[in-house]
Amino acid sequence: MRFKLIIALVEDSEADAVMTAAREAGATGATVLPHARGEGVAHIKTFFGLNLETRMEVLLFLVEEHMSRSVLEQIKQIGNIDATPGTGVAFQLNVEDAVGVTHQIQKLNELVGEQI
């Protein structure tokens, strides 16, 4: 079984909705890294020396490769990524190998077994 790692940086307020949508699209779990921040094309705005930035969370999804595009599309839609600048970014990477996912493989075999 082959996996992809989807990394999504989304607004803190959208993280729960994105997690739910990713699960509905086939993700079997996620790791959440809270309190991320970043800077895009535009510099961070300040007000009297205080940064005005949205809190972000990093969501890591290890998903089976046949499901990865649909999970990525759900993240994009629910997280409003691409709709509004500064709302986040999501991308996927190939995973060479993974351990600790035996229980997930059993579930995934039920869902995508015929595609493998």
N, C-alpha and C. Protein backbone atom coordinates (compact mmCIF):
# COMPACT_ATOMS: atom_id res chain seq x y z
N MET A 1 0.85 -1.17 0.00
CA MET A 1 0.00 0.00 0.00
C MET A 1 0.90 1.23 0.00
N ARG A 2 0.55 2.22 -0.80
CA ARG A 2 1.33 3.45 -0.91
C ARG A 2 0.57 4.60 -0.26
N PHE A 3 1.35 5.48 0.36
CA PHE A 3 0.76 6.60 1.08
C PHE A 3 1.28 7.93 0.55
N LYS A 4 0.50 8.96 0.81
CA LYS A 4 0.89 10.34 0.58
C LYS A 4 0.75 11.07 1.91
N LEU A 5 1.60 12.03 2.14
CA LEU A 5 1.49 12.89 3.31
C LEU A 5 0.90 14.21 2.84
N ILE A 6 -0.27 14.54 3.35
CA ILE A 6 -0.88 15.83 3.05
C ILE A 6 -0.61 16.75 4.23
N ILE A 7 -0.01 17.88 3.93
CA ILE A 7 0.29 18.90 4.93
C ILE A 7 -0.61 20.09 4.63
N ALA A 8 -1.42 20.45 5.61
CA ALA A 8 -2.35 21.57 5.44
C ALA A 8 -2.11 22.59 6.54
N LEU A 9 -1.87 23.82 6.15
CA LEU A 9 -1.77 24.92 7.09
C LEU A 9 -3.05 25.72 6.92
N VAL A 10 -3.89 25.69 7.93
CA VAL A 10 -5.20 26.32 7.85
C VAL A 10 -5.42 27.24 9.04
N GLU A 11 -6.36 28.16 8.88
CA GLU A 11 -6.71 29.05 9.98
C GLU A 11 -7.21 28.23 11.16
N ASP A 12 -6.85 28.66 12.34
CA ASP A 12 -7.23 27.98 13.57
C ASP A 12 -8.74 27.74 13.63
N SER A 13 -9.51 28.71 13.20
CA SER A 13 -10.97 28.60 13.26
C SER A 13 -11.52 27.58 12.28
N GLU A 14 -10.76 27.19 11.27
CA GLU A 14 -11.22 26.24 10.25
C GLU A 14 -10.68 24.82 10.48
N ALA A 15 -9.78 24.64 11.43
CA ALA A 15 -9.09 23.36 11.59
C ALA A 15 -10.04 22.19 11.87
N ASP A 16 -11.00 22.36 12.75
CA ASP A 16 -11.93 21.27 13.06
C ASP A 16 -12.78 20.90 11.85
N ALA A 17 -13.25 21.89 11.12
CA ALA A 17 -14.06 21.63 9.93
C ALA A 17 -13.23 20.93 8.85
N VAL A 18 -11.98 21.33 8.70
CA VAL A 18 -11.09 20.70 7.73
C VAL A 18 -10.82 19.25 8.12
N MET A 19 -10.60 19.01 9.41
CA MET A 19 -10.37 17.63 9.88
C MET A 19 -11.58 16.75 9.58
N THR A 20 -12.77 17.26 9.86
CA THR A 20 -13.99 16.50 9.60
C THR A 20 -14.15 16.21 8.12
N ALA A 21 -13.93 17.20 7.28
CA ALA A 21 -14.05 17.03 5.83
C ALA A 21 -13.03 16.03 5.30
N ALA A 22 -11.81 16.09 5.82
CA ALA A 22 -10.77 15.15 5.38
C ALA A 22 -11.13 13.72 5.76
N ARG A 23 -11.69 13.53 6.94
CA ARG A 23 -12.14 12.19 7.35
C ARG A 23 -13.24 11.68 6.43
N GLU A 24 -14.18 12.56 6.10
CA GLU A 24 -15.27 12.17 5.21
C GLU A 24 -14.75 11.80 3.82
N ALA A 25 -13.63 12.37 3.41
CA ALA A 25 -13.03 12.08 2.11
C ALA A 25 -12.12 10.86 2.14
N GLY A 26 -11.89 10.29 3.34
CA GLY A 26 -11.11 9.07 3.42
C GLY A 26 -9.90 9.08 4.32
N ALA A 27 -9.54 10.22 4.88
CA ALA A 27 -8.41 10.26 5.82
C ALA A 27 -8.79 9.47 7.07
N THR A 28 -7.85 8.69 7.58
CA THR A 28 -8.14 7.87 8.76
C THR A 28 -7.65 8.50 10.06
N GLY A 29 -7.07 9.66 9.98
CA GLY A 29 -6.61 10.35 11.18
C GLY A 29 -5.71 11.51 10.79
N ALA A 30 -5.23 12.22 11.79
CA ALA A 30 -4.37 13.37 11.54
C ALA A 30 -3.54 13.69 12.77
N THR A 31 -2.48 14.41 12.54
CA THR A 31 -1.67 14.97 13.62
C THR A 31 -1.82 16.48 13.51
N VAL A 32 -2.06 17.14 14.64
CA VAL A 32 -2.27 18.59 14.66
C VAL A 32 -1.10 19.25 15.38
N LEU A 33 -0.51 20.22 14.71
CA LEU A 33 0.55 21.04 15.30
C LEU A 33 -0.02 22.45 15.44
N PRO A 34 -0.33 22.88 16.66
CA PRO A 34 -0.98 24.18 16.83
C PRO A 34 0.01 25.35 16.78
N HIS A 35 -0.54 26.53 16.61
CA HIS A 35 0.17 27.80 16.75
C HIS A 35 1.26 28.02 15.71
N ALA A 36 0.94 27.75 14.47
CA ALA A 36 1.87 28.06 13.39
C ALA A 36 1.61 29.48 12.91
N ARG A 37 2.57 30.06 12.24
CA ARG A 37 2.36 31.35 11.61
C ARG A 37 3.24 31.40 10.38
N GLY A 38 2.85 32.25 9.46
CA GLY A 38 3.61 32.34 8.23
C GLY A 38 3.40 33.69 7.57
N GLU A 39 4.06 33.84 6.44
CA GLU A 39 3.96 35.09 5.71
C GLU A 39 3.97 34.77 4.23
N GLY A 40 3.04 35.34 3.50
CA GLY A 40 2.94 35.11 2.07
C GLY A 40 3.54 36.27 1.29
N VAL A 41 2.91 36.59 0.18
CA VAL A 41 3.38 37.67 -0.67
C VAL A 41 3.36 39.00 0.06
N ALA A 42 2.27 39.26 0.78
CA ALA A 42 2.15 40.50 1.54
C ALA A 42 2.77 40.32 2.92
N HIS A 43 3.44 41.36 3.38
CA HIS A 43 4.04 41.32 4.72
C HIS A 43 2.95 41.37 5.78
N ILE A 44 3.29 40.88 6.97
CA ILE A 44 2.35 40.89 8.09
C ILE A 44 2.06 42.33 8.50
N LYS A 45 0.78 42.64 8.68
CA LYS A 45 0.37 43.99 9.09
C LYS A 45 0.59 44.17 10.58
N THR A 46 0.90 45.39 10.94
CA THR A 46 1.07 45.69 12.36
C THR A 46 0.19 46.88 12.74
N PHE A 47 -0.13 46.93 14.02
CA PHE A 47 -0.94 48.02 14.56
C PHE A 47 -0.31 48.41 15.89
N PHE A 48 0.28 49.58 15.95
CA PHE A 48 1.01 50.03 17.15
C PHE A 48 2.04 49.00 17.60
N GLY A 49 2.73 48.42 16.65
CA GLY A 49 3.79 47.47 16.96
C GLY A 49 3.33 46.04 17.22
N LEU A 50 2.02 45.80 17.20
CA LEU A 50 1.50 44.45 17.40
C LEU A 50 1.18 43.81 16.06
N ASN A 51 1.54 42.55 15.91
CA ASN A 51 1.25 41.85 14.66
C ASN A 51 -0.23 41.50 14.58
N LEU A 52 -0.82 41.75 13.42
CA LEU A 52 -2.20 41.38 13.16
C LEU A 52 -2.17 40.17 12.23
N GLU A 53 -2.11 39.01 12.80
CA GLU A 53 -2.03 37.79 12.00
C GLU A 53 -3.01 36.76 12.52
N THR A 54 -3.48 35.94 11.63
CA THR A 54 -4.41 34.88 11.99
C THR A 54 -3.62 33.69 12.51
N ARG A 55 -4.10 33.08 13.57
CA ARG A 55 -3.45 31.88 14.08
C ARG A 55 -3.73 30.73 13.12
N MET A 56 -2.71 29.94 12.89
CA MET A 56 -2.81 28.81 11.97
C MET A 56 -2.50 27.52 12.72
N GLU A 57 -2.99 26.44 12.16
CA GLU A 57 -2.64 25.12 12.65
C GLU A 57 -2.11 24.31 11.48
N VAL A 58 -1.16 23.42 11.77
CA VAL A 58 -0.62 22.52 10.76
C VAL A 58 -1.28 21.16 10.98
N LEU A 59 -1.92 20.64 9.94
CA LEU A 59 -2.57 19.33 9.99
C LEU A 59 -1.80 18.39 9.09
N LEU A 60 -1.42 17.24 9.62
CA LEU A 60 -0.68 16.23 8.86
C LEU A 60 -1.57 15.01 8.69
N PHE A 61 -1.82 14.64 7.44
CA PHE A 61 -2.66 13.49 7.12
C PHE A 61 -1.83 12.48 6.34
N LEU A 62 -1.76 11.25 6.81
CA LEU A 62 -1.13 10.17 6.07
C LEU A 62 -2.27 9.40 5.42
N VAL A 63 -2.39 9.51 4.09
CA VAL A 63 -3.54 8.94 3.39
C VAL A 63 -3.07 8.00 2.28
N GLU A 64 -3.92 7.04 1.95
CA GLU A 64 -3.64 6.12 0.86
C GLU A 64 -3.66 6.92 -0.45
N GLU A 65 -2.75 6.60 -1.35
CA GLU A 65 -2.55 7.45 -2.54
C GLU A 65 -3.80 7.59 -3.42
N HIS A 66 -4.66 6.57 -3.47
CA HIS A 66 -5.86 6.67 -4.30
C HIS A 66 -6.88 7.65 -3.73
N MET A 67 -6.77 7.98 -2.46
CA MET A 67 -7.70 8.89 -1.80
C MET A 67 -7.13 10.29 -1.64
N SER A 68 -5.85 10.45 -1.91
CA SER A 68 -5.17 11.69 -1.55
C SER A 68 -5.72 12.92 -2.27
N ARG A 69 -6.04 12.80 -3.55
CA ARG A 69 -6.52 13.98 -4.27
C ARG A 69 -7.88 14.43 -3.76
N SER A 70 -8.77 13.49 -3.46
CA SER A 70 -10.09 13.88 -2.95
C SER A 70 -9.97 14.51 -1.56
N VAL A 71 -9.06 14.01 -0.73
CA VAL A 71 -8.84 14.61 0.58
C VAL A 71 -8.29 16.03 0.41
N LEU A 72 -7.33 16.19 -0.49
CA LEU A 72 -6.74 17.51 -0.74
C LEU A 72 -7.79 18.50 -1.25
N GLU A 73 -8.67 18.05 -2.12
CA GLU A 73 -9.73 18.92 -2.64
C GLU A 73 -10.71 19.33 -1.53
N GLN A 74 -11.04 18.41 -0.64
CA GLN A 74 -11.93 18.74 0.49
C GLN A 74 -11.28 19.77 1.40
N ILE A 75 -9.99 19.60 1.66
CA ILE A 75 -9.27 20.56 2.49
C ILE A 75 -9.32 21.94 1.85
N LYS A 76 -9.09 21.98 0.56
CA LYS A 76 -9.12 23.25 -0.18
C LYS A 76 -10.49 23.92 -0.08
N GLN A 77 -11.52 23.15 -0.28
CA GLN A 77 -12.88 23.70 -0.27
C GLN A 77 -13.30 24.16 1.12
N ILE A 78 -13.18 23.31 2.11
CA ILE A 78 -13.65 23.63 3.46
C ILE A 78 -12.77 24.69 4.13
N GLY A 79 -11.47 24.64 3.86
CA GLY A 79 -10.56 25.62 4.45
C GLY A 79 -10.52 26.95 3.72
N ASN A 80 -11.31 27.08 2.64
CA ASN A 80 -11.34 28.29 1.82
C ASN A 80 -9.98 28.64 1.24
N ILE A 81 -9.16 27.63 1.05
CA ILE A 81 -7.83 27.84 0.46
C ILE A 81 -8.04 28.16 -1.02
N ASP A 82 -7.32 29.09 -1.53
CA ASP A 82 -7.40 29.62 -2.90
C ASP A 82 -8.52 30.63 -3.05
N ALA A 83 -9.52 30.62 -2.18
CA ALA A 83 -10.62 31.58 -2.30
C ALA A 83 -10.20 32.95 -1.79
N THR A 84 -9.45 32.97 -0.70
CA THR A 84 -9.04 34.22 -0.07
C THR A 84 -7.55 34.15 0.28
N PRO A 85 -6.76 35.13 -0.10
CA PRO A 85 -5.34 35.12 0.25
C PRO A 85 -5.13 35.07 1.76
N GLY A 86 -4.13 34.31 2.19
CA GLY A 86 -3.79 34.24 3.61
C GLY A 86 -4.58 33.23 4.41
N THR A 87 -5.45 32.44 3.75
CA THR A 87 -6.25 31.47 4.49
C THR A 87 -5.55 30.14 4.67
N GLY A 88 -4.44 29.92 3.99
CA GLY A 88 -3.70 28.69 4.18
C GLY A 88 -3.15 28.12 2.90
N VAL A 89 -2.54 26.97 3.06
CA VAL A 89 -1.94 26.25 1.95
C VAL A 89 -1.99 24.76 2.29
N ALA A 90 -2.11 23.94 1.27
CA ALA A 90 -2.09 22.48 1.47
C ALA A 90 -1.35 21.86 0.30
N PHE A 91 -0.59 20.82 0.60
CA PHE A 91 0.16 20.12 -0.45
C PHE A 91 0.39 18.69 -0.01
N GLN A 92 0.76 17.84 -0.98
CA GLN A 92 0.99 16.44 -0.67
C GLN A 92 2.39 16.02 -1.13
N LEU A 93 2.94 15.07 -0.39
CA LEU A 93 4.27 14.53 -0.68
C LEU A 93 4.18 13.01 -0.73
N ASN A 94 5.02 12.41 -1.56
CA ASN A 94 5.10 10.95 -1.58
C ASN A 94 5.77 10.47 -0.30
N VAL A 95 5.28 9.35 0.22
CA VAL A 95 5.86 8.75 1.42
C VAL A 95 6.60 7.50 1.00
N GLU A 96 7.86 7.43 1.30
CA GLU A 96 8.69 6.28 0.94
C GLU A 96 8.30 5.04 1.71
N ASP A 97 8.09 5.19 3.02
CA ASP A 97 7.76 4.06 3.88
C ASP A 97 7.09 4.59 5.14
N ALA A 98 6.32 3.74 5.80
CA ALA A 98 5.64 4.16 7.03
C ALA A 98 5.47 2.96 7.94
N VAL A 99 5.58 3.17 9.24
CA VAL A 99 5.30 2.15 10.24
C VAL A 99 4.27 2.72 11.21
N GLY A 100 3.63 1.85 11.95
CA GLY A 100 2.63 2.30 12.92
C GLY A 100 1.27 2.54 12.32
N VAL A 101 1.04 2.03 11.11
CA VAL A 101 -0.25 2.25 10.45
C VAL A 101 -0.96 0.94 10.13
N THR A 102 -0.60 -0.13 10.81
CA THR A 102 -1.20 -1.44 10.54
C THR A 102 -2.71 -1.42 10.71
N HIS A 103 -3.19 -0.79 11.78
CA HIS A 103 -4.63 -0.74 12.01
C HIS A 103 -5.34 0.09 10.94
N GLN A 104 -4.68 1.09 10.39
CA GLN A 104 -5.28 1.89 9.32
C GLN A 104 -5.31 1.11 8.01
N ILE A 105 -4.32 0.29 7.77
CA ILE A 105 -4.26 -0.48 6.53
C ILE A 105 -5.46 -1.43 6.43
N GLN A 106 -5.85 -2.02 7.54
CA GLN A 106 -7.02 -2.90 7.52
C GLN A 106 -8.27 -2.14 7.09
N LYS A 107 -8.46 -0.96 7.62
CA LYS A 107 -9.62 -0.13 7.26
C LYS A 107 -9.53 0.30 5.79
N LEU A 108 -8.34 0.69 5.36
CA LEU A 108 -8.15 1.15 3.98
C LEU A 108 -8.35 0.02 2.98
N ASN A 109 -7.98 -1.20 3.35
CA ASN A 109 -8.21 -2.34 2.45
C ASN A 109 -9.69 -2.51 2.16
N GLU A 110 -10.53 -2.24 3.13
CA GLU A 110 -11.98 -2.31 2.93
C GLU A 110 -12.45 -1.23 1.96
N LEU A 111 -11.84 -0.04 2.05
CA LEU A 111 -12.30 1.10 1.26
C LEU A 111 -11.74 1.12 -0.17
N VAL A 112 -10.47 0.80 -0.32
CA VAL A 112 -9.83 0.92 -1.64
C VAL A 112 -9.16 -0.37 -2.08
N GLY A 113 -9.49 -1.47 -1.47
CA GLY A 113 -8.84 -2.74 -1.78
C GLY A 113 -8.87 -3.11 -3.25
N GLU A 114 -9.97 -2.84 -3.93
CA GLU A 114 -10.08 -3.20 -5.34
C GLU A 114 -9.25 -2.28 -6.24
N GLN A 115 -8.87 -1.11 -5.77
CA GLN A 115 -8.06 -0.18 -6.57
C GLN A 115 -6.57 -0.45 -6.49
N ILE A 116 -6.18 -1.22 -5.49
CA ILE A 116 -4.76 -1.47 -5.26
C ILE A 116 -4.26 -2.57 -6.19
